[in-house]
Amino acid sequence: MLTAAIRKAFAEGQDSAAFTLDVQFEAAAGVTALYGPSGSGKTLTLDMIAGFAQAEAGRILLDDRILFDSGARVNLRPQERACGYVFQNHALFPHMTLRENLAFAAQGLPRLERHRRIAEQLDRFKLTALAGRLPHQLSGGEKQRGSIARALLASPRAVLLDEPARGLDFALRADFHELVQQMRASLEIPILLVTHDLEECFALADRMLIYEAGRIVHRGAVSELRSSPGTAAVARLMGGFNVYAAEVLALDPGRQSSRVRLLDTELDGPHLPGCFLGDQISLCARPEELRVANSPGKNRIRVDLVRTKERAQLVDADFGSELLVSVSRERWAEVSEAGPKAGWWVEIPAAALRPLSSAPAPR
């Protein structure tokens, strides 16, 4: 278990605004994703856990071992913290071969154990044939595997990954995802992953910490956040949600349903516990849960197509007014043929709508 309660402030400068990082969290074995916009404090959090930056106040514990405690004046050096760190740029020493980079990380081990562990890691990450190459002679994916191999060499008690898939193509990103899944299955230690990619969070993480302006504005299991982000602010931070202002027109607790006015249209809505008639509320829905049609029907809104964006398996159709719909290529071909002639309709199923709190999420 990794436990952190840390604070660090930066004063306003001539070319920079003031910034304060103030976060508290626990990370159990498995993958915890730190997600949020650039400059929100995610990498700084990793740097303070690893010992490359010092917090002004707080405490960091790893398996009940104190790494940092401002009150007790404990601040272990990075090499004493048992944290494996994989940097954005991989940070392999340019003048050392791959084998020498691994040997540097293993210099605290006995000689025979060091050679055995290096050979194991080179074989595990399919790097044996590349061990004599310098970093500039390696591809992006090979550097990444080398950096992860180096981070795991000394049997760390936590692994810190700072956007390690940044700049990788689709195939290499898939390889990285497989590596992380293998690490999660074989190592019962906390793995902290900094990422800007929401799909990467959903694919790899067990839990998410959502950062904004130096604070954790929401946290939870990925499965929970994927279905309901909690607040409208968090839904917009995460992306991947349509967020709507709505008015409660009718409530039917017995059927666990409601009627709402949304985008100037009356629709069937979800169960809304704690709401009253006339309340102004926020609702959200994921784009893949909405449907495109060419005719009116239940819970459908007449719309005009603004733009489309094609992806590998899906088409994102933007109809404006927070009506982004993700549909399969086959379904899009079916409806788009008749679209201009018959018109466009977007169906918002009641089950797809989830209530959001307007109150700020707790830290």
Protein backbone atom coordinates (compact mmCIF):
# COMPACT_ATOMS: atom_id res chain seq x y z
CA MET A 1 0.00 0.00 0.00
CA LEU A 2 1.24 3.47 -0.91
CA THR A 3 -0.13 6.34 1.19
CA ALA A 4 0.54 10.00 0.37
CA ALA A 5 -0.62 13.26 1.92
CA ILE A 6 1.59 15.94 0.36
CA ARG A 7 1.61 19.66 -0.26
CA LYS A 8 3.93 21.86 -2.30
CA ALA A 9 3.42 25.49 -3.34
CA PHE A 10 5.08 27.56 -6.05
CA ALA A 11 4.94 31.35 -5.80
CA GLU A 12 3.88 33.49 -8.71
CA GLY A 13 6.79 34.40 -10.98
CA GLN A 14 7.38 36.83 -13.78
CA ASP A 15 6.31 34.28 -16.41
CA SER A 16 4.36 31.80 -14.29
CA ALA A 17 1.24 31.74 -12.16
CA ALA A 18 1.17 30.57 -8.57
CA PHE A 19 0.45 26.87 -8.12
CA THR A 20 -0.21 24.64 -5.12
CA LEU A 21 -0.36 20.86 -5.12
CA ASP A 22 -2.32 19.51 -2.15
CA VAL A 23 -3.40 15.87 -2.45
CA GLN A 24 -4.16 12.87 -0.27
CA PHE A 25 -4.67 9.32 -1.51
CA GLU A 26 -3.97 5.64 -1.02
CA ALA A 27 -2.91 3.28 -3.80
CA ALA A 28 -3.26 -0.45 -3.25
CA ALA A 29 -1.78 -3.22 -5.39
CA GLY A 30 -2.91 -2.85 -8.99
CA VAL A 31 -3.00 0.13 -11.34
CA THR A 32 -4.06 3.56 -10.12
CA ALA A 33 -4.37 6.11 -12.93
CA LEU A 34 -3.65 9.80 -12.33
CA TYR A 35 -5.79 11.53 -14.94
CA GLY A 36 -6.29 15.21 -15.66
CA PRO A 37 -5.18 18.18 -17.77
CA SER A 38 -1.54 19.19 -18.25
CA GLY A 39 -0.20 21.23 -15.36
CA SER A 40 -2.58 19.78 -12.78
CA GLY A 41 0.19 18.18 -10.68
CA LYS A 42 0.26 14.54 -11.79
CA THR A 43 3.97 14.29 -12.65
CA LEU A 44 4.88 16.41 -9.62
CA THR A 45 3.08 13.84 -7.46
CA LEU A 46 5.23 11.03 -8.91
CA ASP A 47 8.41 13.11 -8.49
CA MET A 48 7.66 13.68 -4.79
CA ILE A 49 6.90 10.00 -4.21
CA ALA A 50 10.15 9.02 -5.96
CA GLY A 51 12.16 11.65 -4.06
CA PHE A 52 13.12 13.81 -7.06
CA ALA A 53 11.10 16.70 -5.62
CA GLN A 54 10.50 17.45 -1.97
CA ALA A 55 7.10 18.27 -0.50
CA GLU A 56 6.82 21.20 1.87
CA ALA A 57 4.50 19.35 4.19
CA GLY A 58 2.98 15.92 4.54
CA ARG A 59 3.87 12.27 4.68
CA ILE A 60 4.55 9.43 2.22
CA LEU A 61 4.51 5.78 3.30
CA LEU A 62 5.18 2.66 1.27
CA ASP A 63 4.22 -0.61 2.97
CA ASP A 64 4.25 1.27 6.32
CA ARG A 65 7.83 2.43 5.66
CA ILE A 66 8.21 6.20 5.90
CA LEU A 67 9.70 7.72 2.74
CA PHE A 68 8.96 11.31 3.69
CA ASP A 69 7.63 12.98 6.82
CA SER A 70 7.93 16.74 7.16
CA GLY A 71 7.12 16.64 10.87
CA ALA A 72 9.72 13.99 11.70
CA ARG A 73 12.18 15.45 9.15
CA VAL A 74 12.48 12.17 7.25
CA ASN A 75 13.31 12.44 3.56
CA LEU A 76 14.86 9.29 2.05
CA ARG A 77 17.02 9.61 -1.06
CA PRO A 78 15.48 8.32 -4.33
CA GLN A 79 17.72 5.24 -4.34
CA GLU A 80 16.46 4.32 -0.85
CA ARG A 81 12.75 4.48 -1.68
CA ALA A 82 12.33 1.20 -3.62
CA CYS A 83 10.30 2.95 -6.35
CA GLY A 84 10.78 2.03 -10.00
CA TYR A 85 10.26 5.11 -12.20
CA VAL A 86 9.57 5.07 -15.95
CA PHE A 87 9.90 8.61 -17.31
CA GLN A 88 8.12 10.16 -20.29
CA ASN A 89 11.34 10.19 -22.33
CA HIS A 90 12.49 6.80 -20.93
CA ALA A 91 15.67 8.50 -19.54
CA LEU A 92 18.13 5.78 -20.55
CA PHE A 93 21.73 6.99 -20.15
CA PRO A 94 22.79 7.84 -23.73
CA HIS A 95 26.47 6.84 -23.27
CA MET A 96 25.62 3.38 -21.88
CA THR A 97 24.47 0.28 -23.72
CA LEU A 98 21.13 -1.20 -22.75
CA ARG A 99 22.87 -3.86 -20.66
CA GLU A 100 24.94 -1.16 -18.90
CA ASN A 101 21.78 0.83 -18.18
CA LEU A 102 20.30 -2.19 -16.46
CA ALA A 103 23.55 -2.89 -14.63
CA PHE A 104 23.52 0.65 -13.24
CA ALA A 105 20.09 0.04 -11.72
CA ALA A 106 21.30 -3.27 -10.25
CA GLN A 107 24.59 -2.08 -8.76
CA GLY A 108 23.34 -2.64 -5.21
CA LEU A 109 22.93 -6.39 -5.82
CA PRO A 110 25.65 -9.05 -5.32
CA ARG A 111 27.65 -9.73 -8.51
CA LEU A 112 26.15 -13.12 -9.43
CA GLU A 113 22.63 -12.00 -8.51
CA ARG A 114 23.12 -8.86 -10.60
CA HIS A 115 24.10 -10.83 -13.71
CA ARG A 116 21.22 -13.27 -13.20
CA ARG A 117 18.62 -10.53 -12.79
CA ILE A 118 19.86 -8.58 -15.82
CA ALA A 119 19.71 -11.69 -18.00
CA GLU A 120 16.19 -12.42 -16.72
CA GLN A 121 14.94 -8.92 -17.49
CA LEU A 122 16.50 -8.85 -20.95
CA ASP A 123 14.83 -12.15 -21.73
CA ARG A 124 11.50 -11.18 -20.15
CA PHE A 125 11.21 -8.03 -22.25
CA LYS A 126 12.66 -9.61 -25.44
CA LEU A 127 15.75 -7.40 -25.34
CA THR A 128 18.59 -9.95 -25.23
CA ALA A 129 19.59 -9.40 -28.87
CA LEU A 130 19.60 -5.62 -28.29
CA ALA A 131 21.61 -5.57 -25.05
CA GLY A 132 24.75 -4.15 -26.69
CA ARG A 133 23.02 -1.22 -28.39
CA LEU A 134 23.09 2.40 -27.27
CA PRO A 135 19.74 4.13 -26.68
CA HIS A 136 19.88 6.09 -29.95
CA GLN A 137 20.09 2.75 -31.79
CA LEU A 138 16.79 1.55 -30.29
CA SER A 139 13.24 2.16 -31.49
CA GLY A 140 10.68 3.93 -29.30
CA GLY A 141 9.13 0.66 -28.24
CA GLU A 142 12.53 -0.89 -27.46
CA LYS A 143 13.50 2.12 -25.34
CA GLN A 144 10.22 1.84 -23.49
CA ARG A 145 10.72 -1.87 -22.74
CA GLY A 146 14.28 -1.15 -21.66
CA SER A 147 13.11 1.60 -19.33
CA ILE A 148 10.47 -0.68 -17.76
CA ALA A 149 13.01 -3.52 -17.44
CA ARG A 150 15.39 -1.15 -15.65
CA ALA A 151 12.63 0.09 -13.32
CA LEU A 152 11.73 -3.49 -12.30
CA LEU A 153 15.28 -4.77 -11.94
CA ALA A 154 15.72 -4.05 -8.25
CA SER A 155 12.33 -5.53 -7.23
CA PRO A 156 10.63 -2.19 -6.41
CA ARG A 157 7.78 -1.94 -3.95
CA ALA A 158 5.95 0.52 -6.25
CA VAL A 159 6.19 1.40 -9.95
CA LEU A 160 5.64 4.94 -11.23
CA LEU A 161 4.79 5.34 -14.93
CA ASP A 162 4.78 8.90 -16.31
CA GLU A 163 2.96 8.82 -19.67
CA PRO A 164 5.14 5.95 -20.95
CA ALA A 165 2.93 5.41 -24.02
CA ARG A 166 3.25 9.02 -25.15
CA GLY A 167 4.30 9.25 -28.80
CA LEU A 168 3.92 5.53 -29.49
CA ASP A 169 2.03 4.31 -32.54
CA PHE A 170 -1.04 2.08 -32.28
CA ALA A 171 0.89 -1.22 -32.36
CA LEU A 172 3.47 -0.12 -29.77
CA ARG A 173 0.75 1.29 -27.55
CA ALA A 174 -0.99 -2.11 -27.66
CA ASP A 175 2.33 -3.76 -26.69
CA PHE A 176 2.65 -1.35 -23.77
CA HIS A 177 -0.87 -2.13 -22.58
CA GLU A 178 -0.01 -5.82 -22.63
CA LEU A 179 3.15 -5.14 -20.59
CA VAL A 180 1.22 -3.24 -17.94
CA GLN A 181 -1.40 -5.97 -17.74
CA GLN A 182 1.38 -8.54 -17.24
CA MET A 183 2.93 -6.37 -14.52
CA ARG A 184 -0.41 -6.02 -12.75
CA ALA A 185 -0.94 -9.80 -12.86
CA SER A 186 2.56 -10.77 -11.71
CA LEU A 187 3.45 -7.97 -9.24
CA GLU A 188 1.25 -7.38 -6.22
CA ILE A 189 2.46 -3.81 -5.78
CA PRO A 190 1.01 -0.33 -6.42
CA ILE A 191 1.46 0.88 -10.02
CA LEU A 192 0.79 4.59 -10.54
CA LEU A 193 0.11 5.55 -14.16
CA VAL A 194 0.01 9.18 -15.30
CA THR A 195 -1.97 9.52 -18.54
CA HIS A 196 -4.05 11.97 -20.59
CA ASP A 197 -5.79 9.11 -22.40
CA LEU A 198 -9.18 8.21 -20.94
CA GLU A 199 -9.37 4.97 -22.93
CA GLU A 200 -5.97 3.99 -21.48
CA CYS A 201 -7.44 4.48 -18.00
CA PHE A 202 -10.40 2.28 -18.84
CA ALA A 203 -8.17 -0.39 -20.40
CA LEU A 204 -5.50 -0.59 -17.69
CA ALA A 205 -6.51 0.98 -14.40
CA ASP A 206 -8.36 -0.43 -11.42
CA ARG A 207 -8.85 3.01 -9.86
CA MET A 208 -8.64 6.63 -10.99
CA LEU A 209 -7.61 9.86 -9.31
CA ILE A 210 -8.88 12.84 -11.31
CA TYR A 211 -6.67 15.92 -10.96
CA GLU A 212 -7.48 19.57 -11.57
CA ALA A 213 -5.34 22.57 -10.57
CA GLY A 214 -3.34 20.69 -7.94
CA ARG A 215 -6.31 18.92 -6.32
CA ILE A 216 -7.92 15.51 -6.62
CA VAL A 217 -11.49 16.43 -7.54
CA HIS A 218 -12.82 12.88 -7.79
CA ARG A 219 -11.66 9.33 -7.21
CA GLY A 220 -13.10 5.87 -7.57
CA ALA A 221 -13.07 2.52 -9.30
CA VAL A 222 -12.80 2.81 -13.08
CA SER A 223 -15.99 0.79 -13.54
CA GLU A 224 -17.90 3.32 -11.39
CA LEU A 225 -16.44 6.42 -13.04
CA ARG A 226 -17.07 5.02 -16.49
CA SER A 227 -20.78 4.73 -15.77
CA SER A 228 -21.21 7.84 -13.61
CA PRO A 229 -18.57 10.54 -13.10
CA GLY A 230 -20.36 12.06 -10.10
CA THR A 231 -20.45 15.76 -11.03
CA ALA A 232 -20.83 17.78 -14.21
CA ALA A 233 -17.37 19.31 -13.65
CA VAL A 234 -15.75 15.86 -13.42
CA ALA A 235 -17.68 14.63 -16.46
CA ARG A 236 -16.25 17.51 -18.51
CA LEU A 237 -12.74 16.92 -17.12
CA MET A 238 -12.88 13.26 -18.06
CA GLY A 239 -14.37 13.87 -21.48
CA GLY A 240 -16.30 11.08 -23.16
CA PHE A 241 -19.62 12.31 -21.76
CA ASN A 242 -22.43 14.47 -23.11
CA VAL A 243 -23.59 16.75 -20.29
CA TYR A 244 -27.08 18.27 -20.29
CA ALA A 245 -29.01 20.85 -18.25
CA ALA A 246 -32.51 19.49 -17.60
CA GLU A 247 -35.71 20.30 -15.74
CA VAL A 248 -37.66 17.68 -13.75
CA LEU A 249 -41.25 17.55 -15.09
CA ALA A 250 -42.56 14.37 -13.43
CA LEU A 251 -41.39 11.70 -10.99
CA ASP A 252 -42.61 8.11 -10.70
CA PRO A 253 -40.72 6.40 -7.83
CA GLY A 254 -42.82 3.25 -8.21
CA ARG A 255 -41.57 2.69 -11.75
CA GLN A 256 -38.20 4.29 -10.96
CA SER A 257 -38.61 6.69 -13.86
CA SER A 258 -39.14 10.38 -14.57
CA ARG A 259 -39.97 12.93 -17.26
CA VAL A 260 -37.45 15.68 -17.99
CA ARG A 261 -37.16 18.62 -20.33
CA LEU A 262 -33.82 18.42 -22.11
CA LEU A 263 -32.72 20.42 -25.17
CA ASP A 264 -36.26 21.89 -25.35
CA THR A 265 -37.76 18.39 -25.63
CA GLU A 266 -39.74 16.29 -23.14
CA LEU A 267 -38.14 12.89 -22.66
CA ASP A 268 -38.48 9.85 -20.42
CA GLY A 269 -35.75 10.06 -17.81
CA PRO A 270 -34.08 7.84 -15.20
CA HIS A 271 -34.91 7.38 -11.53
CA LEU A 272 -34.00 10.66 -9.80
CA PRO A 273 -33.80 10.05 -6.02
CA GLY A 274 -33.77 13.24 -3.98
CA CYS A 275 -35.19 15.40 -6.77
CA PHE A 276 -38.42 17.42 -6.77
CA LEU A 277 -40.70 18.69 -9.52
CA GLY A 278 -39.26 21.78 -11.15
CA ASP A 279 -35.67 21.06 -10.07
CA GLN A 280 -32.94 22.14 -12.48
CA ILE A 281 -30.46 19.26 -12.70
CA SER A 282 -27.51 17.99 -14.74
CA LEU A 283 -27.60 14.68 -16.60
CA CYS A 284 -24.91 12.90 -18.60
CA ALA A 285 -24.74 10.15 -21.21
CA ARG A 286 -21.87 8.47 -23.03
CA PRO A 287 -21.79 8.99 -26.84
CA GLU A 288 -21.87 5.25 -27.56
CA GLU A 289 -25.15 4.93 -25.62
CA LEU A 290 -27.02 7.34 -27.92
CA ARG A 291 -28.53 6.23 -31.22
CA VAL A 292 -28.86 7.84 -34.65
CA ALA A 293 -32.06 7.41 -36.67
CA ASN A 294 -33.80 8.84 -39.73
CA SER A 295 -37.30 9.10 -38.28
CA PRO A 296 -39.05 10.40 -35.15
CA GLY A 297 -39.71 8.07 -32.24
CA LYS A 298 -39.66 7.70 -28.48
CA ASN A 299 -37.02 9.87 -26.75
CA ARG A 300 -35.75 11.19 -30.09
CA ILE A 301 -34.71 14.77 -30.89
CA ARG A 302 -34.64 16.34 -34.36
CA VAL A 303 -31.08 17.48 -35.13
CA ASP A 304 -28.76 18.69 -37.88
CA LEU A 305 -25.41 17.06 -38.56
CA VAL A 306 -22.45 19.38 -37.85
CA ARG A 307 -19.45 17.17 -38.56
CA THR A 308 -18.15 13.60 -38.41
CA LYS A 309 -14.88 12.09 -37.30
CA GLU A 310 -13.89 8.60 -38.39
CA ARG A 311 -12.07 6.21 -36.08
CA ALA A 312 -10.81 2.66 -36.60
CA GLN A 313 -14.13 0.94 -35.81
CA LEU A 314 -16.47 3.84 -35.06
CA VAL A 315 -17.76 7.11 -36.47
CA ASP A 316 -18.23 10.07 -34.13
CA ALA A 317 -21.21 12.11 -35.36
CA ASP A 318 -21.47 15.60 -33.87
CA PHE A 319 -24.95 17.12 -33.97
CA GLY A 320 -24.09 20.07 -31.72
CA SER A 321 -25.76 20.92 -28.38
CA GLU A 322 -23.85 18.16 -26.55
CA LEU A 323 -25.19 15.54 -28.95
CA LEU A 324 -22.06 13.60 -29.87
CA VAL A 325 -22.92 10.06 -30.93
CA SER A 326 -20.48 7.19 -31.51
CA VAL A 327 -21.82 4.56 -33.89
CA SER A 328 -20.38 1.55 -35.70
CA ARG A 329 -19.27 2.06 -39.30
CA GLU A 330 -21.98 -0.35 -40.45
CA ARG A 331 -24.76 1.55 -38.67
CA TRP A 332 -23.42 4.89 -39.91
CA ALA A 333 -23.39 3.69 -43.52
CA GLU A 334 -26.98 2.55 -43.06
CA VAL A 335 -28.35 5.84 -41.66
CA SER A 336 -26.13 8.30 -43.53
CA GLU A 337 -27.38 7.09 -46.92
CA ALA A 338 -30.88 8.32 -46.07
CA GLY A 339 -29.76 11.09 -43.70
CA PRO A 340 -29.81 14.18 -45.95
CA LYS A 341 -33.19 13.20 -47.45
CA ALA A 342 -35.04 11.84 -44.41
CA GLY A 343 -33.38 14.04 -41.80
CA TRP A 344 -31.51 13.20 -38.62
CA TRP A 345 -32.84 12.15 -35.22
CA VAL A 346 -30.87 11.29 -32.08
CA GLU A 347 -32.40 8.93 -29.54
CA ILE A 348 -31.44 9.40 -25.89
CA PRO A 349 -32.58 6.26 -24.01
CA ALA A 350 -33.75 6.91 -20.47
CA ALA A 351 -31.34 4.26 -19.19
CA ALA A 352 -28.41 6.15 -20.74
CA LEU A 353 -29.10 9.29 -18.69
CA ARG A 354 -27.36 9.53 -15.32
CA PRO A 355 -27.91 12.27 -12.74
CA LEU A 356 -24.94 14.43 -11.78
CA SER A 357 -24.36 16.43 -8.61
CA SER A 358 -23.85 20.16 -9.00
CA ALA A 359 -21.86 20.34 -5.77
CA PRO A 360 -18.04 20.24 -5.93
CA ALA A 361 -16.62 16.76 -5.47
CA PRO A 362 -14.69 16.13 -2.23
CA ARG A 363 -10.90 16.14 -2.32
